[in-house]
Amino acid sequence: MSTQGALLEVRGLKKYFPVRGGVFSTVGTWVKAVDGVSFDIARSEVFALVGESGCGKTTTGRTLLRLVEPTEGHVAFDGQPVFELSARDLRALRRRMQIIFQDPYGSLNPRMTVGAIVGEPLRVHGLAAGAELDERVGELLERVGLAPDYRTRYPHEFSGGQRQRIGIARALALGPDLIVCDEAVSALDVSIQAQILNLLQELQRDLGLSYLFITHDLNVVQHLADRVGVMYLGRLVETADAEDLFREPLHPYTQALISANPVPDPSIDLEPQVLMGEVPSPLAPPPGCHFHPRCPHTTERCRREIPLPLTRGTRQVACHLYDER
C-alpha cells in the first residue's frame, strides 16, 4: 500500500539464506526468511511489524538498513534507493537511519565507557570532538533520562533498562529520521518496559521520528503503533491502521493472534481461537498460502495459490476469503 509522502518505501523485499551440506558444502535449499514484503512508513509514523518468533520480522528490519544484504527487492528512503547506493553514499544515509537492538547487554561493548559508546557515531562521522563531543554526549544522556556524569562508567555498572537507554541515546546521536526498534523492550521487566515505551513515545513526539517497531507483543503495539503489519513465515498477511486491526482483524492468522492476547479486564469474556498444528518449517514452507495447514477456512485454492494483497479501504489483506473471483 502506498502512503503519500512516505519516508520509507519497501517493495518486494526478499532475503533468502542458503543451507549448505555435503562434502563440498553445496547449497541444498534456501530459507526464505523474507519473501516479497512490501510496506510504507510515513514521516513521524510508528509502523509495527508483528508475528510469531521466526516469521522474518528482524531480518526485514536489518535487510532494509543493509545490515544484511538483500536477495531481491527495492527500498527507498526519502526517495533514495538504499540497495543501489555506494558504500560512501550509504554511510551518509546511515546518519538518518538507526537501530535499537533487542539485547541491552550484548549490544553495548563492555570495554568501552558509556561516553565512548554514545559518542562513537559523532566521532566516526566527524560531527564532534573534544569538549564539544563530551557536551553532546552529556545532552544525549540527559535526553534519555540518565545523568551526564554516567559517561565515565562502563555498561556492566547499569541495569537492563539503563543499558537500553544508553542504546537509545546512541541511536539518537546523529539526529535520525527513522529508527528501527528491534524488540526494543522484550528483554526488560514489565515495569521497565513501560518506562522505555513512554520514553520512545516522548522522543517520537518531540523529534518527529518515524519508527519501524518490531515486536511480538500485541499490548505494546496497541499502546504505541499508528499502523501494523502482520507477518507469517516471511510474508505480510495483513496491513492496517492499529485501531482498525484490533477492532476488526480480517486475516484468520491476525484474528487468532488478537483473540489469544490477554485482555486486562475481567468483565470481558473472550474465547481464544486455538490454532491447529505446528508452525511449518521455513526450510520447507507449505505451497500456496503458508497459513493454510493451520487455517479453519482452508480451501483447495489456498493449498495451491499464493494469495495476493487485496486493498480494503485503508488496509490490505492477503487472503482468498476476500477475493471475489
C-alpha atoms as a PDB file:
ATOM      1  CA  MET A   1       0.000   0.000   0.000  1.00  0.00           C
ATOM      2  CA  SER A   2       1.366   3.388  -0.941  1.00  0.00           C
ATOM      3  CA  THR A   3       1.468   6.127   1.640  1.00  0.00           C
ATOM      4  CA  GLN A   4       1.556   9.658   0.273  1.00  0.00           C
ATOM      5  CA  GLY A   5       4.801  11.364   1.218  1.00  0.00           C
ATOM      6  CA  ALA A   6       6.262   8.138   2.636  1.00  0.00           C
ATOM      7  CA  LEU A   7       9.670   8.394   4.271  1.00  0.00           C
ATOM      8  CA  LEU A   8      10.406   4.689   3.659  1.00  0.00           C
ATOM      9  CA  GLU A   9       9.091   2.566   0.792  1.00  0.00           C
ATOM     10  CA  VAL A  10       9.671  -1.180   0.784  1.00  0.00           C
ATOM     11  CA  ARG A  11       8.687  -3.163  -2.315  1.00  0.00           C
ATOM     12  CA  GLY A  12       9.014  -6.906  -2.898  1.00  0.00           C
ATOM     13  CA  LEU A  13      11.743  -7.331  -0.276  1.00  0.00           C
ATOM     14  CA  LYS A  14      13.266 -10.808  -0.212  1.00  0.00           C
ATOM     15  CA  LYS A  15      16.057 -12.308   1.841  1.00  0.00           C
ATOM     16  CA  TYR A  16      16.956 -15.973   1.300  1.00  0.00           C
ATOM     17  CA  PHE A  17      19.674 -17.726   3.305  1.00  0.00           C
ATOM     18  CA  PRO A  18      21.463 -20.718   1.734  1.00  0.00           C
ATOM     19  CA  VAL A  19      21.516 -24.044   3.563  1.00  0.00           C
ATOM     20  CA  ARG A  20      24.689 -25.898   2.654  1.00  0.00           C
ATOM     21  CA  GLY A  21      25.507 -29.553   3.065  1.00  0.00           C
ATOM     22  CA  GLY A  22      27.648 -32.391   1.819  1.00  0.00           C
ATOM     23  CA  VAL A  23      31.396 -32.697   1.382  1.00  0.00           C
ATOM     24  CA  PHE A  24      31.610 -29.686  -0.925  1.00  0.00           C
ATOM     25  CA  SER A  25      29.181 -27.520   1.080  1.00  0.00           C
ATOM     26  CA  THR A  26      26.863 -27.124  -1.877  1.00  0.00           C
ATOM     27  CA  VAL A  27      23.613 -25.204  -1.472  1.00  0.00           C
ATOM     28  CA  GLY A  28      20.884 -27.769  -0.913  1.00  0.00           C
ATOM     29  CA  THR A  29      17.986 -25.444  -0.221  1.00  0.00           C
ATOM     30  CA  TRP A  30      17.133 -21.900   0.845  1.00  0.00           C
ATOM     31  CA  VAL A  31      15.482 -20.464   3.916  1.00  0.00           C
ATOM     32  CA  LYS A  32      13.082 -17.803   2.652  1.00  0.00           C
ATOM     33  CA  ALA A  33      13.271 -15.594   5.741  1.00  0.00           C
ATOM     34  CA  VAL A  34      11.639 -12.642   3.960  1.00  0.00           C
ATOM     35  CA  ASP A  35       9.597 -13.473   0.883  1.00  0.00           C
ATOM     36  CA  GLY A  36       8.210 -10.478  -1.011  1.00  0.00           C
ATOM     37  CA  VAL A  37       7.363  -7.985   1.742  1.00  0.00           C
ATOM     38  CA  SER A  38       6.016  -4.520   0.815  1.00  0.00           C
ATOM     39  CA  PHE A  39       5.008  -1.616   3.071  1.00  0.00           C
ATOM     40  CA  ASP A  40       5.495   2.120   3.603  1.00  0.00           C
ATOM     41  CA  ILE A  41       6.327   4.205   6.659  1.00  0.00           C
ATOM     42  CA  ALA A  42       5.171   7.821   6.633  1.00  0.00           C
ATOM     43  CA  ARG A  43       7.030  10.673   8.281  1.00  0.00           C
ATOM     44  CA  SER A  44       6.509  10.774  12.063  1.00  0.00           C
ATOM     45  CA  GLU A  45       4.672   7.426  11.939  1.00  0.00           C
ATOM     46  CA  VAL A  46       5.073   4.338  14.106  1.00  0.00           C
ATOM     47  CA  PHE A  47       4.712   1.207  11.953  1.00  0.00           C
ATOM     48  CA  ALA A  48       4.704  -2.033  13.937  1.00  0.00           C
ATOM     49  CA  LEU A  49       5.768  -5.349  12.426  1.00  0.00           C
ATOM     50  CA  VAL A  50       4.302  -8.242  14.420  1.00  0.00           C
ATOM     51  CA  GLY A  51       4.200 -12.019  14.249  1.00  0.00           C
ATOM     52  CA  GLU A  52       5.467 -15.169  15.933  1.00  0.00           C
ATOM     53  CA  SER A  53       9.166 -15.753  16.500  1.00  0.00           C
ATOM     54  CA  GLY A  54      10.920 -16.801  13.299  1.00  0.00           C
ATOM     55  CA  CYS A  55       8.459 -15.099  10.948  1.00  0.00           C
ATOM     56  CA  GLY A  56      11.138 -12.770   9.486  1.00  0.00           C
ATOM     57  CA  LYS A  57      10.499  -9.512  11.349  1.00  0.00           C
ATOM     58  CA  THR A  58      14.072  -8.895  12.483  1.00  0.00           C
ATOM     59  CA  THR A  59      15.531  -9.950   9.134  1.00  0.00           C
ATOM     60  CA  THR A  60      13.213  -7.456   7.425  1.00  0.00           C
ATOM     61  CA  GLY A  61      14.442  -4.610   9.641  1.00  0.00           C
ATOM     62  CA  ARG A  62      18.108  -5.448   9.217  1.00  0.00           C
ATOM     63  CA  THR A  63      17.844  -6.005   5.481  1.00  0.00           C
ATOM     64  CA  LEU A  64      16.203  -2.665   4.725  1.00  0.00           C
ATOM     65  CA  LEU A  65      19.053  -0.985   6.661  1.00  0.00           C
ATOM     66  CA  ARG A  66      21.549  -3.109   4.694  1.00  0.00           C
ATOM     67  CA  LEU A  67      22.974  -4.629   7.838  1.00  0.00           C
ATOM     68  CA  VAL A  68      22.098  -7.780   5.874  1.00  0.00           C
ATOM     69  CA  GLU A  69      22.306  -7.638   2.086  1.00  0.00           C
ATOM     70  CA  PRO A  70      19.011  -8.362   0.283  1.00  0.00           C
ATOM     71  CA  THR A  71      18.290 -11.155  -2.173  1.00  0.00           C
ATOM     72  CA  GLU A  72      15.796  -9.075  -4.126  1.00  0.00           C
ATOM     73  CA  GLY A  73      13.540  -6.046  -3.811  1.00  0.00           C
ATOM     74  CA  HIS A  74      13.541  -2.266  -3.658  1.00  0.00           C
ATOM     75  CA  VAL A  75      13.837   0.033  -0.640  1.00  0.00           C
ATOM     76  CA  ALA A  76      13.724   3.815  -0.975  1.00  0.00           C
ATOM     77  CA  PHE A  77      14.451   6.152   1.923  1.00  0.00           C
ATOM     78  CA  ASP A  78      13.275   9.698   1.273  1.00  0.00           C
ATOM     79  CA  GLY A  79      13.453   8.914  -2.447  1.00  0.00           C
ATOM     80  CA  GLN A  80      16.955   7.406  -2.352  1.00  0.00           C
ATOM     81  CA  PRO A  81      17.277   3.749  -3.487  1.00  0.00           C
ATOM     82  CA  VAL A  82      19.028   2.171  -0.496  1.00  0.00           C
ATOM     83  CA  PHE A  83      20.175  -1.022  -2.241  1.00  0.00           C
ATOM     84  CA  GLU A  84      21.788   0.874  -5.127  1.00  0.00           C
ATOM     85  CA  LEU A  85      23.900   3.260  -3.046  1.00  0.00           C
ATOM     86  CA  SER A  86      27.685   3.078  -2.985  1.00  0.00           C
ATOM     87  CA  ALA A  87      29.434   2.487   0.340  1.00  0.00           C
ATOM     88  CA  ARG A  88      30.182   6.204   0.618  1.00  0.00           C
ATOM     89  CA  ASP A  89      26.599   7.291  -0.074  1.00  0.00           C
ATOM     90  CA  LEU A  90      25.222   4.589   2.223  1.00  0.00           C
ATOM     91  CA  ARG A  91      27.425   5.832   5.049  1.00  0.00           C
ATOM     92  CA  ALA A  92      25.968   9.325   4.630  1.00  0.00           C
ATOM     93  CA  LEU A  93      22.438   7.907   4.621  1.00  0.00           C
ATOM     94  CA  ARG A  94      23.077   5.945   7.822  1.00  0.00           C
ATOM     95  CA  ARG A  95      23.027   9.224   9.722  1.00  0.00           C
ATOM     96  CA  ARG A  96      19.290   9.288   9.065  1.00  0.00           C
ATOM     97  CA  MET A  97      18.548   5.586   9.694  1.00  0.00           C
ATOM     98  CA  GLN A  98      19.429   3.985  13.016  1.00  0.00           C
ATOM     99  CA  ILE A  99      18.572   0.866  15.025  1.00  0.00           C
ATOM    100  CA  ILE A 100      17.917  -0.017  18.667  1.00  0.00           C
ATOM    101  CA  PHE A 101      18.789  -3.678  19.291  1.00  0.00           C
ATOM    102  CA  GLN A 102      16.846  -6.198  21.352  1.00  0.00           C
ATOM    103  CA  ASP A 103      19.572  -7.194  23.792  1.00  0.00           C
ATOM    104  CA  PRO A 104      20.667  -4.289  26.021  1.00  0.00           C
ATOM    105  CA  TYR A 105      23.524  -6.461  27.309  1.00  0.00           C
ATOM    106  CA  GLY A 106      25.027  -7.797  24.089  1.00  0.00           C
ATOM    107  CA  SER A 107      24.583  -4.617  22.034  1.00  0.00           C
ATOM    108  CA  LEU A 108      26.966  -2.482  24.150  1.00  0.00           C
ATOM    109  CA  ASN A 109      30.736  -3.031  24.044  1.00  0.00           C
ATOM    110  CA  PRO A 110      31.770  -3.900  27.636  1.00  0.00           C
ATOM    111  CA  ARG A 111      35.277  -2.478  27.028  1.00  0.00           C
ATOM    112  CA  MET A 112      34.005   0.995  26.160  1.00  0.00           C
ATOM    113  CA  THR A 113      32.734   3.658  28.520  1.00  0.00           C
ATOM    114  CA  VAL A 114      29.210   4.976  28.094  1.00  0.00           C
ATOM    115  CA  GLY A 115      30.663   8.220  26.768  1.00  0.00           C
ATOM    116  CA  ALA A 116      32.645   6.373  24.111  1.00  0.00           C
ATOM    117  CA  ILE A 117      29.624   4.259  23.108  1.00  0.00           C
ATOM    118  CA  VAL A 118      27.217   7.179  22.744  1.00  0.00           C
ATOM    119  CA  GLY A 119      29.840   9.449  21.199  1.00  0.00           C
ATOM    120  CA  GLU A 120      31.169   6.924  18.673  1.00  0.00           C
ATOM    121  CA  PRO A 121      28.645   7.811  15.909  1.00  0.00           C
ATOM    122  CA  LEU A 122      29.505  11.515  16.265  1.00  0.00           C
ATOM    123  CA  ARG A 123      33.219  10.768  16.154  1.00  0.00           C
ATOM    124  CA  VAL A 124      33.011   8.365  13.197  1.00  0.00           C
ATOM    125  CA  HIS A 125      31.018  10.855  11.128  1.00  0.00           C
ATOM    126  CA  GLY A 126      33.279  13.727  12.136  1.00  0.00           C
ATOM    127  CA  LEU A 127      30.484  15.758  13.751  1.00  0.00           C
ATOM    128  CA  ALA A 128      32.088  16.489  17.119  1.00  0.00           C
ATOM    129  CA  ALA A 129      35.365  16.082  19.025  1.00  0.00           C
ATOM    130  CA  GLY A 130      36.963  17.051  22.310  1.00  0.00           C
ATOM    131  CA  ALA A 131      34.900  19.219  24.660  1.00  0.00           C
ATOM    132  CA  GLU A 132      32.127  19.567  22.107  1.00  0.00           C
ATOM    133  CA  LEU A 133      31.802  15.774  21.921  1.00  0.00           C
ATOM    134  CA  ASP A 134      31.653  15.474  25.725  1.00  0.00           C
ATOM    135  CA  GLU A 135      28.972  18.160  25.868  1.00  0.00           C
ATOM    136  CA  ARG A 136      26.892  16.485  23.175  1.00  0.00           C
ATOM    137  CA  VAL A 137      27.156  13.092  24.890  1.00  0.00           C
ATOM    138  CA  GLY A 138      26.005  14.647  28.165  1.00  0.00           C
ATOM    139  CA  GLU A 139      22.992  16.194  26.406  1.00  0.00           C
ATOM    140  CA  LEU A 140      22.059  12.854  24.832  1.00  0.00           C
ATOM    141  CA  LEU A 141      22.271  11.041  28.170  1.00  0.00           C
ATOM    142  CA  GLU A 142      20.053  13.674  29.780  1.00  0.00           C
ATOM    143  CA  ARG A 143      17.606  13.351  26.895  1.00  0.00           C
ATOM    144  CA  VAL A 144      17.061   9.671  27.703  1.00  0.00           C
ATOM    145  CA  GLY A 145      16.854  10.162  31.463  1.00  0.00           C
ATOM    146  CA  LEU A 146      20.444   9.436  32.537  1.00  0.00           C
ATOM    147  CA  ALA A 147      22.908  11.664  34.389  1.00  0.00           C
ATOM    148  CA  PRO A 148      25.654  13.252  32.215  1.00  0.00           C
ATOM    149  CA  ASP A 149      28.390  12.029  34.571  1.00  0.00           C
ATOM    150  CA  TYR A 150      27.462   8.424  33.671  1.00  0.00           C
ATOM    151  CA  ARG A 151      29.674   8.916  30.612  1.00  0.00           C
ATOM    152  CA  THR A 152      32.727   7.688  32.548  1.00  0.00           C
ATOM    153  CA  ARG A 153      31.133   4.399  33.610  1.00  0.00           C
ATOM    154  CA  TYR A 154      31.001   1.016  31.863  1.00  0.00           C
ATOM    155  CA  PRO A 155      27.922  -0.958  30.712  1.00  0.00           C
ATOM    156  CA  HIS A 156      28.236  -3.618  33.420  1.00  0.00           C
ATOM    157  CA  GLU A 157      27.501  -0.952  36.041  1.00  0.00           C
ATOM    158  CA  PHE A 158      23.948  -0.434  34.762  1.00  0.00           C
ATOM    159  CA  SER A 159      20.618  -2.272  34.850  1.00  0.00           C
ATOM    160  CA  GLY A 160      18.938  -3.602  31.724  1.00  0.00           C
ATOM    161  CA  GLY A 161      16.623  -0.603  31.467  1.00  0.00           C
ATOM    162  CA  GLN A 162      19.515   1.838  31.856  1.00  0.00           C
ATOM    163  CA  ARG A 163      21.523  -0.025  29.216  1.00  0.00           C
ATOM    164  CA  GLN A 164      18.622   0.236  26.800  1.00  0.00           C
ATOM    165  CA  ARG A 165      18.501   3.986  27.459  1.00  0.00           C
ATOM    166  CA  ILE A 166      22.192   4.107  26.529  1.00  0.00           C
ATOM    167  CA  GLY A 167      21.357   2.262  23.309  1.00  0.00           C
ATOM    168  CA  ILE A 168      18.602   4.774  22.586  1.00  0.00           C
ATOM    169  CA  ALA A 169      21.000   7.681  23.209  1.00  0.00           C
ATOM    170  CA  ARG A 170      23.447   6.128  20.731  1.00  0.00           C
ATOM    171  CA  ALA A 171      20.680   5.787  18.132  1.00  0.00           C
ATOM    172  CA  LEU A 172      19.720   9.456  18.627  1.00  0.00           C
ATOM    173  CA  ALA A 173      23.271  10.792  18.360  1.00  0.00           C
ATOM    174  CA  LEU A 174      23.182  11.543  14.620  1.00  0.00           C
ATOM    175  CA  GLY A 175      19.691  13.044  14.596  1.00  0.00           C
ATOM    176  CA  PRO A 176      17.999  10.277  12.559  1.00  0.00           C
ATOM    177  CA  ASP A 177      14.602  10.434  10.870  1.00  0.00           C
ATOM    178  CA  LEU A 178      13.905   6.683  11.135  1.00  0.00           C
ATOM    179  CA  ILE A 179      14.754   4.278  13.945  1.00  0.00           C
ATOM    180  CA  VAL A 180      14.263   0.518  13.687  1.00  0.00           C
ATOM    181  CA  CYS A 181      13.306  -0.717  17.168  1.00  0.00           C
ATOM    182  CA  ASP A 182      14.082  -4.449  17.075  1.00  0.00           C
ATOM    183  CA  GLU A 183      12.187  -5.968  20.043  1.00  0.00           C
ATOM    184  CA  ALA A 184      13.487  -2.965  21.985  1.00  0.00           C
ATOM    185  CA  VAL A 185      11.611  -3.786  25.213  1.00  0.00           C
ATOM    186  CA  SER A 186      11.141  -7.569  25.094  1.00  0.00           C
ATOM    187  CA  ALA A 187      14.210  -8.307  27.240  1.00  0.00           C
ATOM    188  CA  LEU A 188      13.099  -5.943  30.027  1.00  0.00           C
ATOM    189  CA  ASP A 189      10.865  -6.345  33.081  1.00  0.00           C
ATOM    190  CA  VAL A 190       7.289  -5.188  32.555  1.00  0.00           C
ATOM    191  CA  SER A 191       7.640  -2.078  34.745  1.00  0.00           C
ATOM    192  CA  ILE A 192      10.821  -1.077  32.891  1.00  0.00           C
ATOM    193  CA  GLN A 193       9.145  -1.782  29.551  1.00  0.00           C
ATOM    194  CA  ALA A 194       6.548   0.874  30.342  1.00  0.00           C
ATOM    195  CA  GLN A 195       9.259   3.438  31.126  1.00  0.00           C
ATOM    196  CA  ILE A 196      11.135   2.746  27.875  1.00  0.00           C
ATOM    197  CA  LEU A 197       7.925   2.841  25.823  1.00  0.00           C
ATOM    198  CA  ASN A 198       6.983   6.178  27.351  1.00  0.00           C
ATOM    199  CA  LEU A 199      10.469   7.481  26.548  1.00  0.00           C
ATOM    200  CA  LEU A 200      10.189   6.301  22.934  1.00  0.00           C
ATOM    201  CA  GLN A 201       6.785   7.959  22.609  1.00  0.00           C
ATOM    202  CA  GLU A 202       8.123  11.201  24.043  1.00  0.00           C
ATOM    203  CA  LEU A 203      11.095  11.194  21.672  1.00  0.00           C
ATOM    204  CA  GLN A 204       8.875  10.396  18.705  1.00  0.00           C
ATOM    205  CA  ARG A 205       6.552  13.272  19.561  1.00  0.00           C
ATOM    206  CA  ASP A 206       9.285  15.829  20.321  1.00  0.00           C
ATOM    207  CA  LEU A 207      11.677  14.955  17.485  1.00  0.00           C
ATOM    208  CA  GLY A 208       9.188  13.883  14.794  1.00  0.00           C
ATOM    209  CA  LEU A 209      10.791  10.453  14.490  1.00  0.00           C
ATOM    210  CA  SER A 210       9.462   7.539  12.438  1.00  0.00           C
ATOM    211  CA  TYR A 211       9.729   4.064  13.967  1.00  0.00           C
ATOM    212  CA  LEU A 212       9.704   0.596  12.493  1.00  0.00           C
ATOM    213  CA  PHE A 213       8.731  -1.164  15.708  1.00  0.00           C
ATOM    214  CA  ILE A 214       9.421  -4.907  15.546  1.00  0.00           C
ATOM    215  CA  THR A 215       7.708  -6.906  18.279  1.00  0.00           C
ATOM    216  CA  HIS A 216       5.648  -9.980  19.110  1.00  0.00           C
ATOM    217  CA  ASP A 217       3.825  -8.205  21.968  1.00  0.00           C
ATOM    218  CA  LEU A 218       0.397  -7.000  20.842  1.00  0.00           C
ATOM    219  CA  ASN A 219      -0.105  -4.967  24.016  1.00  0.00           C
ATOM    220  CA  VAL A 220       2.953  -2.896  23.093  1.00  0.00           C
ATOM    221  CA  VAL A 221       1.622  -2.485  19.552  1.00  0.00           C
ATOM    222  CA  GLN A 222      -1.758  -1.282  20.771  1.00  0.00           C
ATOM    223  CA  HIS A 223      -0.040   1.243  23.024  1.00  0.00           C
ATOM    224  CA  LEU A 224       2.423   2.643  20.513  1.00  0.00           C
ATOM    225  CA  ALA A 225       1.653   1.959  16.845  1.00  0.00           C
ATOM    226  CA  ASP A 226      -0.169   4.022  14.219  1.00  0.00           C
ATOM    227  CA  ARG A 227      -0.215   1.186  11.665  1.00  0.00           C
ATOM    228  CA  VAL A 228       0.531  -2.525  11.874  1.00  0.00           C
ATOM    229  CA  GLY A 229       1.872  -5.171   9.500  1.00  0.00           C
ATOM    230  CA  VAL A 230       1.285  -8.825  10.448  1.00  0.00           C
ATOM    231  CA  MET A 231       3.883 -11.347   9.211  1.00  0.00           C
ATOM    232  CA  TYR A 232       3.672 -15.108   8.881  1.00  0.00           C
ATOM    233  CA  LEU A 233       6.558 -17.228   7.551  1.00  0.00           C
ATOM    234  CA  GLY A 234       8.234 -14.389   5.697  1.00  0.00           C
ATOM    235  CA  ARG A 235       5.118 -12.805   4.180  1.00  0.00           C
ATOM    236  CA  LEU A 236       2.845  -9.938   5.187  1.00  0.00           C
ATOM    237  CA  VAL A 237      -0.698 -11.241   5.605  1.00  0.00           C
ATOM    238  CA  GLU A 238      -2.381  -8.022   6.747  1.00  0.00           C
ATOM    239  CA  THR A 239      -1.586  -4.311   6.992  1.00  0.00           C
ATOM    240  CA  ALA A 240      -3.950  -1.841   8.660  1.00  0.00           C
ATOM    241  CA  ASP A 241      -4.329   1.120  10.974  1.00  0.00           C
ATOM    242  CA  ALA A 242      -3.783  -0.139  14.523  1.00  0.00           C
ATOM    243  CA  GLU A 243      -7.269   0.854  15.661  1.00  0.00           C
ATOM    244  CA  ASP A 244      -8.930  -0.945  12.730  1.00  0.00           C
ATOM    245  CA  LEU A 245      -6.775  -4.035  13.150  1.00  0.00           C
ATOM    246  CA  PHE A 246      -7.641  -4.540  16.809  1.00  0.00           C
ATOM    247  CA  ARG A 247     -11.313  -3.693  16.300  1.00  0.00           C
ATOM    248  CA  GLU A 248     -11.831  -5.940  13.262  1.00  0.00           C
ATOM    249  CA  PRO A 249      -8.941  -8.213  12.212  1.00  0.00           C
ATOM    250  CA  LEU A 250      -9.551  -9.712   8.773  1.00  0.00           C
ATOM    251  CA  HIS A 251      -6.940 -12.408   8.210  1.00  0.00           C
ATOM    252  CA  PRO A 252      -7.547 -15.672  10.139  1.00  0.00           C
ATOM    253  CA  TYR A 253      -3.988 -15.530  11.500  1.00  0.00           C
ATOM    254  CA  THR A 254      -4.469 -11.967  12.771  1.00  0.00           C
ATOM    255  CA  GLN A 255      -7.774 -12.991  14.334  1.00  0.00           C
ATOM    256  CA  ALA A 256      -6.066 -15.850  16.189  1.00  0.00           C
ATOM    257  CA  LEU A 257      -3.235 -13.623  17.430  1.00  0.00           C
ATOM    258  CA  ILE A 258      -5.576 -10.970  18.782  1.00  0.00           C
ATOM    259  CA  SER A 259      -8.013 -13.446  20.348  1.00  0.00           C
ATOM    260  CA  ALA A 260      -5.102 -15.068  22.217  1.00  0.00           C
ATOM    261  CA  ASN A 261      -3.854 -11.724  23.541  1.00  0.00           C
ATOM    262  CA  PRO A 262      -4.706 -11.306  27.263  1.00  0.00           C
ATOM    263  CA  VAL A 263      -7.220  -8.535  27.967  1.00  0.00           C
ATOM    264  CA  PRO A 264      -6.741  -6.927  31.435  1.00  0.00           C
ATOM    265  CA  ASP A 265     -10.486  -6.661  32.074  1.00  0.00           C
ATOM    266  CA  PRO A 266     -12.285  -9.498  33.891  1.00  0.00           C
ATOM    267  CA  SER A 267     -15.653  -8.283  32.582  1.00  0.00           C
ATOM    268  CA  ILE A 268     -14.635  -9.147  29.016  1.00  0.00           C
ATOM    269  CA  ASP A 269     -15.003 -12.836  28.249  1.00  0.00           C
ATOM    270  CA  LEU A 270     -13.099 -13.710  25.083  1.00  0.00           C
ATOM    271  CA  GLU A 271     -12.823 -17.215  23.674  1.00  0.00           C
ATOM    272  CA  PRO A 272      -9.285 -17.670  22.265  1.00  0.00           C
ATOM    273  CA  GLN A 273      -9.033 -19.142  18.778  1.00  0.00           C
ATOM    274  CA  VAL A 274      -6.637 -22.051  19.151  1.00  0.00           C
ATOM    275  CA  LEU A 275      -4.500 -22.579  16.041  1.00  0.00           C
ATOM    276  CA  MET A 276      -4.293 -26.191  14.935  1.00  0.00           C
ATOM    277  CA  GLY A 277      -0.987 -27.851  14.084  1.00  0.00           C
ATOM    278  CA  GLU A 278       2.570 -26.598  14.333  1.00  0.00           C
ATOM    279  CA  VAL A 279       4.285 -23.658  12.662  1.00  0.00           C
ATOM    280  CA  PRO A 280       5.740 -25.080   9.415  1.00  0.00           C
ATOM    281  CA  SER A 281       9.499 -25.140   8.977  1.00  0.00           C
ATOM    282  CA  PRO A 282      10.867 -22.180   6.997  1.00  0.00           C
ATOM    283  CA  LEU A 283      13.087 -24.755   5.259  1.00  0.00           C
ATOM    284  CA  ALA A 284      10.003 -26.308   3.664  1.00  0.00           C
ATOM    285  CA  PRO A 285       7.065 -23.879   3.824  1.00  0.00           C
ATOM    286  CA  PRO A 286       3.692 -25.116   2.521  1.00  0.00           C
ATOM    287  CA  PRO A 287       2.746 -24.279  -1.065  1.00  0.00           C
ATOM    288  CA  GLY A 288       0.103 -21.660  -1.753  1.00  0.00           C
ATOM    289  CA  CYS A 289      -0.879 -19.760   1.369  1.00  0.00           C
ATOM    290  CA  HIS A 290       1.704 -20.566   4.048  1.00  0.00           C
ATOM    291  CA  PHE A 291      -1.025 -20.424   6.698  1.00  0.00           C
ATOM    292  CA  HIS A 292      -3.367 -22.950   5.089  1.00  0.00           C
ATOM    293  CA  PRO A 293      -2.347 -26.020   7.197  1.00  0.00           C
ATOM    294  CA  ARG A 294      -3.483 -24.173  10.352  1.00  0.00           C
ATOM    295  CA  CYS A 295      -6.400 -22.177   8.964  1.00  0.00           C
ATOM    296  CA  PRO A 296     -10.020 -23.140   9.761  1.00  0.00           C
ATOM    297  CA  HIS A 297     -11.190 -21.740   6.385  1.00  0.00           C
ATOM    298  CA  THR A 298      -8.785 -23.607   4.069  1.00  0.00           C
ATOM    299  CA  THR A 299      -9.939 -24.419   0.535  1.00  0.00           C
ATOM    300  CA  GLU A 300      -8.231 -26.196  -2.351  1.00  0.00           C
ATOM    301  CA  ARG A 301      -7.284 -22.817  -3.790  1.00  0.00           C
ATOM    302  CA  CYS A 302      -5.436 -21.933  -0.572  1.00  0.00           C
ATOM    303  CA  ARG A 303      -3.311 -25.049  -0.974  1.00  0.00           C
ATOM    304  CA  ARG A 304      -2.102 -24.165  -4.471  1.00  0.00           C
ATOM    305  CA  GLU A 305      -2.314 -20.356  -4.930  1.00  0.00           C
ATOM    306  CA  ILE A 306      -0.361 -17.662  -3.106  1.00  0.00           C
ATOM    307  CA  PRO A 307      -2.929 -15.002  -2.078  1.00  0.00           C
ATOM    308  CA  LEU A 308      -2.119 -11.526  -3.370  1.00  0.00           C
ATOM    309  CA  PRO A 309      -2.629  -8.454  -1.167  1.00  0.00           C
ATOM    310  CA  LEU A 310      -6.153  -7.087  -1.580  1.00  0.00           C
ATOM    311  CA  THR A 311      -6.998  -3.490  -0.695  1.00  0.00           C
ATOM    312  CA  ARG A 312      -9.957  -2.944   1.618  1.00  0.00           C
ATOM    313  CA  GLY A 313     -10.258   0.778   2.316  1.00  0.00           C
ATOM    314  CA  THR A 314      -7.095   1.830   4.151  1.00  0.00           C
ATOM    315  CA  ARG A 315      -5.918  -1.727   4.750  1.00  0.00           C
ATOM    316  CA  GLN A 316      -4.574  -4.713   2.865  1.00  0.00           C
ATOM    317  CA  VAL A 317      -5.140  -8.408   3.475  1.00  0.00           C
ATOM    318  CA  ALA A 318      -3.598 -11.387   1.659  1.00  0.00           C
ATOM    319  CA  CYS A 319      -6.343 -13.996   1.938  1.00  0.00           C
ATOM    320  CA  HIS A 320      -8.533 -15.784  -0.610  1.00  0.00           C
ATOM    321  CA  LEU A 321     -11.552 -15.295   1.681  1.00  0.00           C
ATOM    322  CA  TYR A 322     -11.734 -11.702   0.492  1.00  0.00           C
ATOM    323  CA  ASP A 323     -11.073 -12.339  -3.194  1.00  0.00           C
ATOM    324  CA  GLU A 324     -14.339 -12.290  -5.117  1.00  0.00           C
ATOM    325  CA  ARG A 325     -13.003 -14.180  -8.148  1.00  0.00           C
END
